[in-house]
Amino acid sequence: MKKNIIIIIAAILTIFLADLPMGLSPEWNGENMYHRNQYELLAESMLKGHVYIEYDPIYSTKLSQMENPYDTEEREKLSIPYKWDHAYYKGRYYVYFGVVPAVVTFLPFRLLTGKSLKTYHATQIYVGLFIIGIYFLFYYLKKKTKVKINDAEYILASVSVSLASVWYAIDYPALYTTAITSGMMFSIWSIYFYIKAYLEKDKKLKNILIGAFLGALIFGCRPTLGFTNLLFFPALISLIKSEKKENKVIVAILTFIPFIFIGLLLMLYNYARFDSVFEFGQKYQLTAVDQTNMLFENLNLKHFTTELKKFLFYTEPFGDTFPYIKYFGLFFNYPMLIIPIITIFSKKFRNVLKKHKLLSIYLLIILSIIISAVFIVLMCPYVIVRYQMDVVYLLGILLYINYLFLKKNSWINLLFLIIFIDLFMKTFLLYWIPDMYNYPSHLYKRVRH
């Protein structure tokens, strides 16, 4: 009982450590009421029975007269008034970020309280639930594998992986990370239930249905995170093997119902906005680049290799203000996350994973990371640091699995303790980089003046 209380306190403190700084920057905490509040406006629109955002006609009249309203340079050249970071289609504005946060959080809050939920508060909710998911998953893996690590080690791993996964949301909590962290939250819990369905002898159907429902919701938050649903298949195979012969087909069909149900709803939502069940709003964005033909333009080797290298290994000179570093590629922001990719080439390590029935889970998480990275590179005009959130937590899970099975002696133990402390310290430093009107940028301006 005492042990559980300590873990609960640690989880609560981790959540506070992540959530409290989100309210510091006026550019990201809702004090600027017109700043990245699309989810709040979408909830209001839904209450009125439609899914477009109502704005003054001044923001669409001249835009609708353009031959190509998605030409950023032409909009700026003609001084066309428009709303940044929206999808625009046939004279109306839409939210191109996933709709699920609006449905499961913003709309219920508006109905229950009569007030609009500030966007960064939704991010705080998702981050909190995500962190709890990390604690649950790591504890389950520790218990199921029967590896002897003490609670301090487990808590350190949970804290460091949690904060490394969400640091960007701590710095920039409104809108962009609202969509991403909602997807991460559904993803971590779907992984938890998929693994339980795969490893447990009982309640397989219940666990896989919960995992599939949560996994399907990811596509309505952040589609590139949805590839973690690859873990559905080993869970499904395990379920089918455990069922009686006459029930196998019926049970297998049942497990796909959450994907079919959520998928149909998302298709209807897409059609209501863009007259296409497969269009999420990607090519109708009013942002820095015309994305109407982005996928075809990105299908070339030069773009792919350049942006993938930037995503993974980008570096630039050190900064001239504290903490004297800049945002780098994934494996330069967090060098230790390369470890799970290296160790999988060890036959001995693969055999250990196989013995504990985790090899397929490990490999499919790596595959989901690879596919996510490829889609990010192909679907975006250029990669930026927040896209790393799609994969950091997955590499963190694999790093923890490495810790469980490579912990053979005191030297290995010490090494991993240093690794997790390094994750924590690097997260602290990344938060303090002044950029995009975050709290450090406001703080440094006040100090200089």
Protein backbone atom coordinates (compact mmCIF):
# COMPACT_ATOMS: atom_id res chain seq x y z
CA MET A 1 0.00 0.00 0.00
CA LYS A 2 2.79 2.41 0.93
CA LYS A 3 4.54 1.59 -2.36
CA ASN A 4 1.40 2.43 -4.37
CA ILE A 5 0.98 5.73 -2.55
CA ILE A 6 4.55 6.73 -3.44
CA ILE A 7 3.94 5.88 -7.11
CA ILE A 8 0.68 7.85 -7.16
CA ILE A 9 2.38 10.87 -5.58
CA ALA A 10 5.21 10.62 -8.14
CA ALA A 11 2.72 10.50 -11.01
CA ILE A 12 0.81 13.51 -9.67
CA LEU A 13 4.02 15.49 -9.27
CA THR A 14 5.05 14.59 -12.82
CA ILE A 15 1.71 15.86 -14.12
CA PHE A 16 2.08 19.12 -12.18
CA LEU A 17 5.63 19.52 -13.45
CA ALA A 18 4.34 19.21 -17.03
CA ASP A 19 1.05 21.10 -16.73
CA LEU A 20 1.79 24.11 -14.54
CA PRO A 21 4.28 25.88 -16.88
CA MET A 22 1.75 25.77 -19.75
CA GLY A 23 -0.04 28.85 -18.45
CA LEU A 24 2.99 31.15 -18.44
CA SER A 25 3.16 32.57 -21.98
CA PRO A 26 0.28 34.92 -22.94
CA GLU A 27 0.72 33.85 -26.55
CA TRP A 28 -0.15 30.25 -25.70
CA ASN A 29 -2.37 30.32 -22.60
CA GLY A 30 -5.54 31.90 -23.98
CA GLU A 31 -4.96 35.42 -22.71
CA ASN A 32 -4.71 36.44 -26.35
CA MET A 33 -8.28 35.39 -27.07
CA TYR A 34 -7.86 35.38 -30.85
CA HIS A 35 -4.73 33.27 -30.83
CA ARG A 36 -5.06 29.66 -32.00
CA ASN A 37 -8.53 29.10 -30.59
CA GLN A 38 -9.94 27.08 -33.49
CA TYR A 39 -11.11 24.22 -31.28
CA GLU A 40 -13.06 26.61 -29.10
CA LEU A 41 -14.73 28.09 -32.17
CA LEU A 42 -15.43 24.65 -33.65
CA ALA A 43 -17.31 23.64 -30.50
CA GLU A 44 -19.45 26.79 -30.84
CA SER A 45 -20.12 25.97 -34.49
CA MET A 46 -21.18 22.42 -33.62
CA LEU A 47 -23.70 23.80 -31.14
CA LYS A 48 -25.18 25.75 -34.05
CA GLY A 49 -25.41 22.61 -36.18
CA HIS A 50 -22.54 23.08 -38.64
CA VAL A 51 -18.79 22.44 -38.81
CA TYR A 52 -17.45 25.59 -40.49
CA ILE A 53 -16.06 28.50 -38.48
CA GLU A 54 -18.00 31.75 -38.68
CA TYR A 55 -15.82 34.76 -39.42
CA ASP A 56 -16.45 38.25 -40.70
CA PRO A 57 -16.99 38.15 -44.51
CA ILE A 58 -13.94 40.39 -44.90
CA TYR A 59 -11.78 37.27 -44.40
CA SER A 60 -13.34 35.39 -47.32
CA THR A 61 -14.64 37.93 -49.85
CA LYS A 62 -11.33 38.82 -51.53
CA LEU A 63 -9.94 35.36 -50.89
CA SER A 64 -12.76 33.76 -52.89
CA GLN A 65 -11.93 36.05 -55.82
CA MET A 66 -8.38 34.71 -56.10
CA GLU A 67 -7.55 32.17 -58.79
CA ASN A 68 -5.57 30.19 -56.22
CA PRO A 69 -6.32 31.27 -52.65
CA TYR A 70 -3.72 28.77 -51.36
CA ASP A 71 -0.85 30.68 -53.01
CA THR A 72 0.79 32.20 -49.95
CA GLU A 73 3.01 34.64 -51.83
CA GLU A 74 0.08 35.93 -53.88
CA ARG A 75 -2.06 36.44 -50.76
CA GLU A 76 0.69 38.50 -49.16
CA LYS A 77 1.41 40.41 -52.37
CA LEU A 78 -2.24 41.44 -52.73
CA SER A 79 -2.63 42.06 -48.97
CA ILE A 80 -5.59 39.71 -48.85
CA PRO A 81 -7.12 39.46 -45.35
CA TYR A 82 -7.46 35.85 -44.26
CA LYS A 83 -7.31 33.58 -41.23
CA TRP A 84 -3.97 31.86 -40.74
CA ASP A 85 -3.75 28.12 -40.08
CA HIS A 86 -7.25 27.23 -41.21
CA ALA A 87 -8.58 25.09 -44.02
CA TYR A 88 -10.46 27.15 -46.62
CA TYR A 89 -12.91 25.58 -49.05
CA LYS A 90 -15.65 27.14 -51.18
CA GLY A 91 -15.72 30.39 -49.23
CA ARG A 92 -15.78 28.85 -45.75
CA TYR A 93 -13.23 28.25 -43.03
CA TYR A 94 -12.71 24.88 -41.35
CA VAL A 95 -10.45 23.40 -38.69
CA TYR A 96 -8.00 21.02 -40.38
CA PHE A 97 -6.74 19.67 -37.06
CA GLY A 98 -8.38 16.42 -35.94
CA VAL A 99 -11.99 16.80 -34.80
CA VAL A 100 -11.90 14.32 -31.89
CA PRO A 101 -10.63 16.84 -29.27
CA ALA A 102 -13.57 19.11 -30.10
CA VAL A 103 -16.05 16.24 -29.70
CA VAL A 104 -14.66 14.59 -26.55
CA THR A 105 -13.44 17.66 -24.66
CA PHE A 106 -14.39 21.13 -25.92
CA LEU A 107 -18.02 20.43 -26.73
CA PRO A 108 -18.82 18.53 -23.48
CA PHE A 109 -17.13 21.28 -21.44
CA ARG A 110 -19.19 23.94 -23.24
CA LEU A 111 -22.42 22.00 -22.65
CA LEU A 112 -21.70 21.34 -18.98
CA THR A 113 -20.41 24.76 -17.96
CA GLY A 114 -21.78 27.15 -20.56
CA LYS A 115 -18.24 28.46 -21.00
CA SER A 116 -15.59 27.91 -23.66
CA LEU A 117 -12.62 25.78 -22.65
CA LYS A 118 -9.30 27.52 -23.24
CA THR A 119 -7.28 25.43 -25.63
CA TYR A 120 -4.23 24.99 -23.43
CA HIS A 121 -6.39 23.54 -20.66
CA ALA A 122 -7.34 20.70 -23.03
CA THR A 123 -3.63 20.11 -23.65
CA GLN A 124 -3.10 19.93 -19.89
CA ILE A 125 -5.81 17.26 -19.64
CA TYR A 126 -4.33 15.18 -22.47
CA VAL A 127 -0.78 15.46 -21.12
CA GLY A 128 -1.96 14.42 -17.66
CA LEU A 129 -3.76 11.34 -19.01
CA PHE A 130 -0.78 10.53 -21.22
CA ILE A 131 1.58 10.61 -18.24
CA ILE A 132 -0.73 8.33 -16.27
CA GLY A 133 -0.67 6.00 -19.28
CA ILE A 134 3.14 5.91 -19.21
CA TYR A 135 3.11 5.04 -15.51
CA PHE A 136 0.53 2.28 -16.07
CA LEU A 137 2.33 0.79 -19.08
CA PHE A 138 5.76 0.80 -17.44
CA TYR A 139 4.38 -0.72 -14.25
CA TYR A 140 2.57 -3.42 -16.22
CA LEU A 141 5.71 -4.32 -18.19
CA LYS A 142 7.73 -4.40 -14.97
CA LYS A 143 5.18 -6.66 -13.29
CA LYS A 144 4.53 -8.92 -16.29
CA THR A 145 8.18 -9.53 -17.12
CA LYS A 146 9.01 -10.05 -13.42
CA VAL A 147 12.22 -8.08 -13.83
CA LYS A 148 13.51 -6.87 -10.50
CA ILE A 149 13.89 -3.11 -10.58
CA ASN A 150 13.07 -0.98 -7.57
CA ASP A 151 10.38 1.68 -7.46
CA ALA A 152 12.87 4.54 -7.65
CA GLU A 153 14.19 3.20 -10.98
CA TYR A 154 10.68 2.67 -12.34
CA ILE A 155 9.61 6.17 -11.28
CA LEU A 156 12.74 7.77 -12.77
CA ALA A 157 12.10 6.03 -16.09
CA SER A 158 8.43 7.08 -16.06
CA VAL A 159 9.21 10.72 -15.23
CA SER A 160 12.00 11.11 -17.79
CA VAL A 161 10.15 9.43 -20.68
CA SER A 162 6.94 11.33 -19.87
CA LEU A 163 8.56 14.75 -19.84
CA ALA A 164 10.80 14.06 -22.86
CA SER A 165 7.66 13.06 -24.78
CA VAL A 166 5.65 16.20 -23.99
CA TRP A 167 8.25 18.96 -23.49
CA TYR A 168 7.18 20.79 -26.66
CA ALA A 169 3.57 20.86 -25.44
CA ILE A 170 4.76 22.34 -22.14
CA ASP A 171 6.37 25.19 -24.07
CA TYR A 172 3.64 25.64 -26.73
CA PRO A 173 0.39 24.23 -25.32
CA ALA A 174 -2.21 25.70 -27.67
CA LEU A 175 -3.74 24.09 -30.78
CA TYR A 176 -0.85 22.30 -32.51
CA THR A 177 0.07 20.29 -29.47
CA THR A 178 -3.57 19.99 -28.43
CA ALA A 179 -4.12 17.79 -31.47
CA ILE A 180 -0.83 15.94 -31.00
CA THR A 181 -1.16 15.27 -27.27
CA SER A 182 -4.74 14.08 -27.68
CA GLY A 183 -3.45 11.53 -30.18
CA MET A 184 -0.56 10.59 -27.89
CA MET A 185 -2.98 10.10 -25.00
CA PHE A 186 -5.21 7.74 -26.99
CA SER A 187 -2.12 6.04 -28.40
CA ILE A 188 -0.44 5.23 -25.08
CA TRP A 189 -3.63 3.75 -23.67
CA SER A 190 -4.36 1.76 -26.83
CA ILE A 191 -0.81 0.33 -26.63
CA TYR A 192 -1.44 -0.59 -22.99
CA PHE A 193 -4.63 -2.49 -23.82
CA TYR A 194 -3.17 -4.11 -26.97
CA ILE A 195 -0.24 -5.47 -24.97
CA LYS A 196 -2.59 -6.71 -22.25
CA ALA A 197 -4.74 -8.43 -24.88
CA TYR A 198 -1.61 -10.03 -26.33
CA LEU A 199 -0.04 -11.20 -23.07
CA GLU A 200 -2.99 -11.94 -20.80
CA LYS A 201 -4.88 -15.24 -20.80
CA ASP A 202 -8.23 -13.72 -19.80
CA LYS A 203 -10.32 -10.76 -21.00
CA LYS A 204 -8.55 -10.66 -24.37
CA LEU A 205 -11.66 -9.56 -26.27
CA LYS A 206 -12.43 -6.79 -23.79
CA ASN A 207 -8.86 -5.46 -23.90
CA ILE A 208 -8.57 -5.55 -27.67
CA LEU A 209 -11.94 -3.80 -28.13
CA ILE A 210 -10.90 -1.01 -25.77
CA GLY A 211 -7.53 -0.78 -27.51
CA ALA A 212 -9.16 -0.68 -30.95
CA PHE A 213 -11.65 2.01 -29.92
CA LEU A 214 -8.90 4.21 -28.48
CA GLY A 215 -6.65 3.43 -31.43
CA ALA A 216 -9.35 4.41 -33.92
CA LEU A 217 -9.83 7.76 -32.17
CA ILE A 218 -6.16 8.58 -32.84
CA PHE A 219 -6.97 9.08 -36.54
CA GLY A 220 -9.36 11.86 -35.55
CA CYS A 221 -6.60 13.59 -33.59
CA ARG A 222 -3.27 13.12 -35.33
CA PRO A 223 -3.34 10.51 -38.16
CA THR A 224 0.44 9.94 -38.20
CA LEU A 225 0.19 8.64 -34.64
CA GLY A 226 -2.32 6.04 -35.76
CA PHE A 227 0.32 3.61 -36.98
CA THR A 228 0.70 2.35 -33.42
CA ASN A 229 -2.45 0.38 -34.28
CA LEU A 230 -0.07 -2.13 -35.84
CA LEU A 231 -0.06 -3.62 -32.33
CA PHE A 232 -3.71 -4.54 -32.91
CA PHE A 233 -2.67 -7.45 -35.11
CA PRO A 234 -0.59 -9.52 -32.67
CA ALA A 235 -3.35 -8.91 -30.12
CA LEU A 236 -5.90 -10.13 -32.66
CA ILE A 237 -3.87 -13.25 -33.50
CA SER A 238 -3.49 -14.03 -29.80
CA LEU A 239 -7.24 -13.60 -29.32
CA ILE A 240 -8.14 -15.86 -32.26
CA LYS A 241 -5.81 -18.59 -31.01
CA SER A 242 -7.49 -18.54 -27.61
CA GLU A 243 -11.04 -18.81 -28.98
CA LYS A 244 -12.98 -21.93 -29.85
CA LYS A 245 -12.98 -22.87 -33.51
CA GLU A 246 -16.64 -21.95 -34.08
CA ASN A 247 -16.15 -18.49 -32.53
CA LYS A 248 -12.96 -17.41 -34.28
CA VAL A 249 -14.53 -15.63 -37.28
CA ILE A 250 -17.24 -13.87 -35.26
CA VAL A 251 -14.78 -12.67 -32.63
CA ALA A 252 -12.33 -11.45 -35.30
CA ILE A 253 -15.09 -9.43 -36.99
CA LEU A 254 -16.12 -7.92 -33.66
CA THR A 255 -12.65 -6.50 -33.07
CA PHE A 256 -12.83 -4.41 -36.26
CA ILE A 257 -16.11 -2.71 -35.30
CA PRO A 258 -14.45 0.24 -33.49
CA PHE A 259 -12.32 1.03 -36.57
CA ILE A 260 -15.32 0.76 -38.89
CA PHE A 261 -17.55 2.91 -36.67
CA ILE A 262 -15.02 5.69 -36.02
CA GLY A 263 -13.78 5.51 -39.63
CA LEU A 264 -17.30 6.05 -41.03
CA LEU A 265 -17.89 9.02 -38.73
CA LEU A 266 -14.61 10.62 -39.79
CA MET A 267 -15.46 10.05 -43.45
CA LEU A 268 -18.85 11.72 -43.00
CA TYR A 269 -17.15 14.65 -41.29
CA ASN A 270 -14.67 14.95 -44.15
CA TYR A 271 -17.45 14.83 -46.74
CA ALA A 272 -19.45 17.50 -44.91
CA ARG A 273 -16.46 19.82 -45.15
CA PHE A 274 -14.66 19.04 -48.39
CA ASP A 275 -17.02 16.86 -50.48
CA SER A 276 -14.56 13.98 -50.12
CA VAL A 277 -14.49 11.21 -47.52
CA PHE A 278 -10.69 10.97 -47.76
CA GLU A 279 -9.78 14.66 -47.44
CA PHE A 280 -8.85 15.81 -43.94
CA GLY A 281 -8.08 19.38 -45.03
CA GLN A 282 -4.38 18.94 -45.76
CA LYS A 283 -4.43 20.49 -49.22
CA TYR A 284 -6.78 23.34 -48.31
CA GLN A 285 -4.59 24.84 -45.59
CA LEU A 286 -3.91 28.56 -45.47
CA THR A 287 -0.38 28.40 -44.12
CA ALA A 288 3.15 29.19 -45.23
CA VAL A 289 3.08 26.93 -48.31
CA ASP A 290 0.56 26.00 -51.00
CA GLN A 291 -0.20 22.35 -50.22
CA THR A 292 -2.78 21.56 -52.90
CA ASN A 293 -0.29 19.24 -54.63
CA MET A 294 2.07 18.68 -51.72
CA LEU A 295 2.14 14.88 -51.79
CA PHE A 296 3.10 14.74 -55.47
CA GLU A 297 5.69 17.48 -55.06
CA ASN A 298 7.25 15.65 -52.11
CA LEU A 299 7.51 12.35 -53.95
CA ASN A 300 11.10 12.89 -55.00
CA LEU A 301 14.30 11.49 -53.54
CA LYS A 302 15.91 14.87 -52.84
CA HIS A 303 13.04 16.13 -50.71
CA PHE A 304 12.67 12.80 -48.92
CA THR A 305 16.34 12.41 -47.97
CA THR A 306 16.78 16.10 -47.06
CA GLU A 307 13.74 16.29 -44.77
CA LEU A 308 14.28 12.84 -43.25
CA LYS A 309 17.87 13.80 -42.41
CA LYS A 310 16.59 17.04 -40.87
CA PHE A 311 13.99 15.14 -38.85
CA LEU A 312 16.54 12.72 -37.44
CA PHE A 313 19.98 14.37 -37.50
CA TYR A 314 19.64 18.13 -38.05
CA THR A 315 22.13 20.35 -36.22
CA GLU A 316 23.14 24.00 -36.28
CA PRO A 317 25.58 26.21 -34.34
CA PHE A 318 25.00 26.76 -30.65
CA GLY A 319 22.91 29.74 -29.56
CA ASP A 320 24.17 32.91 -27.89
CA THR A 321 21.65 32.87 -25.01
CA PHE A 322 20.87 30.34 -22.28
CA PRO A 323 20.74 27.36 -22.63
CA TYR A 324 23.05 27.93 -25.64
CA ILE A 325 21.50 25.14 -27.68
CA LYS A 326 18.95 25.13 -30.47
CA TYR A 327 16.33 22.68 -31.66
CA PHE A 328 18.06 19.82 -33.44
CA GLY A 329 16.99 16.63 -35.14
CA LEU A 330 15.49 13.84 -33.05
CA PHE A 331 18.71 11.95 -32.33
CA PHE A 332 20.61 15.13 -31.48
CA ASN A 333 17.87 16.43 -29.19
CA TYR A 334 17.80 13.03 -27.46
CA PRO A 335 20.88 11.00 -28.50
CA MET A 336 20.09 8.15 -26.10
CA LEU A 337 16.92 7.30 -28.01
CA ILE A 338 19.08 5.67 -30.68
CA ILE A 339 19.79 2.80 -28.25
CA PRO A 340 16.58 0.81 -28.98
CA ILE A 341 17.36 0.93 -32.70
CA ILE A 342 20.88 -0.38 -32.14
CA THR A 343 20.07 -3.17 -29.68
CA ILE A 344 17.46 -4.80 -31.92
CA PHE A 345 20.32 -5.96 -34.17
CA SER A 346 21.61 -8.09 -31.30
CA LYS A 347 20.47 -11.68 -31.63
CA LYS A 348 20.89 -12.18 -27.90
CA PHE A 349 18.58 -9.25 -27.15
CA ARG A 350 16.00 -10.47 -29.68
CA ASN A 351 16.03 -13.87 -28.02
CA VAL A 352 15.35 -12.28 -24.63
CA LEU A 353 12.43 -10.33 -26.11
CA LYS A 354 11.13 -13.49 -27.75
CA LYS A 355 11.33 -15.36 -24.45
CA HIS A 356 9.12 -12.72 -22.84
CA LYS A 357 6.74 -12.61 -25.85
CA LEU A 358 7.67 -8.99 -26.60
CA LEU A 359 9.65 -9.34 -29.83
CA SER A 360 6.69 -8.76 -32.15
CA ILE A 361 5.53 -5.80 -30.03
CA TYR A 362 9.02 -4.28 -30.09
CA LEU A 363 9.42 -4.74 -33.86
CA LEU A 364 5.98 -3.33 -34.64
CA ILE A 365 6.65 -0.23 -32.54
CA ILE A 366 9.86 0.30 -34.53
CA LEU A 367 7.88 -0.19 -37.74
CA SER A 368 5.25 2.34 -36.64
CA ILE A 369 8.05 4.83 -35.90
CA ILE A 370 9.51 4.33 -39.37
CA ILE A 371 6.14 4.66 -41.12
CA SER A 372 5.25 7.76 -39.08
CA ALA A 373 8.56 9.41 -39.99
CA VAL A 374 8.06 8.61 -43.67
CA PHE A 375 4.52 10.04 -43.69
CA ILE A 376 5.63 13.18 -41.88
CA VAL A 377 8.32 13.77 -44.49
CA LEU A 378 5.99 13.08 -47.41
CA MET A 379 2.93 14.96 -46.18
CA CYS A 380 4.59 18.12 -44.87
CA PRO A 381 6.37 20.87 -46.82
CA TYR A 382 9.17 20.78 -44.24
CA VAL A 383 9.67 19.11 -40.88
CA ILE A 384 9.77 21.05 -37.63
CA VAL A 385 10.68 20.06 -34.10
CA ARG A 386 7.15 19.46 -32.81
CA TYR A 387 6.72 16.58 -35.25
CA GLN A 388 9.24 14.68 -33.14
CA MET A 389 6.49 14.26 -30.56
CA ASP A 390 4.98 11.62 -32.86
CA VAL A 391 7.81 9.20 -32.11
CA VAL A 392 9.72 10.26 -28.97
CA TYR A 393 7.34 8.47 -26.60
CA LEU A 394 7.54 5.28 -28.68
CA LEU A 395 11.32 5.29 -28.54
CA GLY A 396 10.99 5.99 -24.81
CA ILE A 397 8.89 2.85 -24.39
CA LEU A 398 11.51 0.81 -26.24
CA LEU A 399 14.26 2.38 -24.14
CA TYR A 400 12.43 1.26 -21.00
CA ILE A 401 12.13 -2.28 -22.39
CA ASN A 402 15.88 -2.19 -22.99
CA TYR A 403 16.35 -1.16 -19.38
CA LEU A 404 14.29 -4.12 -18.19
CA PHE A 405 16.24 -6.71 -20.14
CA LEU A 406 19.76 -5.27 -20.36
CA LYS A 407 19.98 -4.70 -16.62
CA LYS A 408 22.55 -7.41 -15.93
CA ASN A 409 25.05 -5.74 -13.62
CA SER A 410 25.75 -2.56 -11.70
CA TRP A 411 27.48 -0.91 -14.67
CA ILE A 412 24.50 -1.40 -16.97
CA ASN A 413 22.23 -0.23 -14.17
CA LEU A 414 24.30 2.94 -13.69
CA LEU A 415 24.40 3.57 -17.44
CA PHE A 416 20.63 3.53 -17.76
CA LEU A 417 20.17 5.70 -14.71
CA ILE A 418 22.47 8.24 -16.40
CA ILE A 419 20.46 7.87 -19.62
CA PHE A 420 17.14 8.63 -17.91
CA ILE A 421 18.65 11.56 -16.00
CA ASP A 422 20.04 12.82 -19.32
CA LEU A 423 16.55 12.69 -20.84
CA PHE A 424 15.24 14.75 -17.94
CA MET A 425 18.03 17.35 -18.10
CA LYS A 426 17.85 17.71 -21.88
CA THR A 427 14.10 18.24 -21.61
CA PHE A 428 14.74 21.04 -19.10
CA LEU A 429 17.20 22.70 -21.48
CA LEU A 430 14.93 22.36 -24.53
CA TYR A 431 12.12 24.06 -22.66
CA TRP A 432 14.29 27.13 -21.99
CA ILE A 433 15.15 27.82 -25.64
CA PRO A 434 13.54 31.20 -26.51
CA ASP A 435 11.40 30.75 -29.63
CA MET A 436 7.96 31.58 -31.08
CA TYR A 437 6.82 33.83 -28.21
CA ASN A 438 7.16 31.06 -25.62
CA TYR A 439 7.68 31.93 -21.96
CA PRO A 440 11.52 31.96 -22.15
CA SER A 441 11.37 34.48 -25.02
CA HIS A 442 9.13 36.78 -22.93
CA LEU A 443 11.37 36.32 -19.90
CA TYR A 444 14.58 37.13 -21.78
CA LYS A 445 13.04 40.27 -23.26
CA ARG A 446 12.15 41.53 -19.79
CA VAL A 447 15.64 40.71 -18.49
CA ARG A 448 17.34 42.52 -21.40
CA HIS A 449 15.19 45.61 -20.95
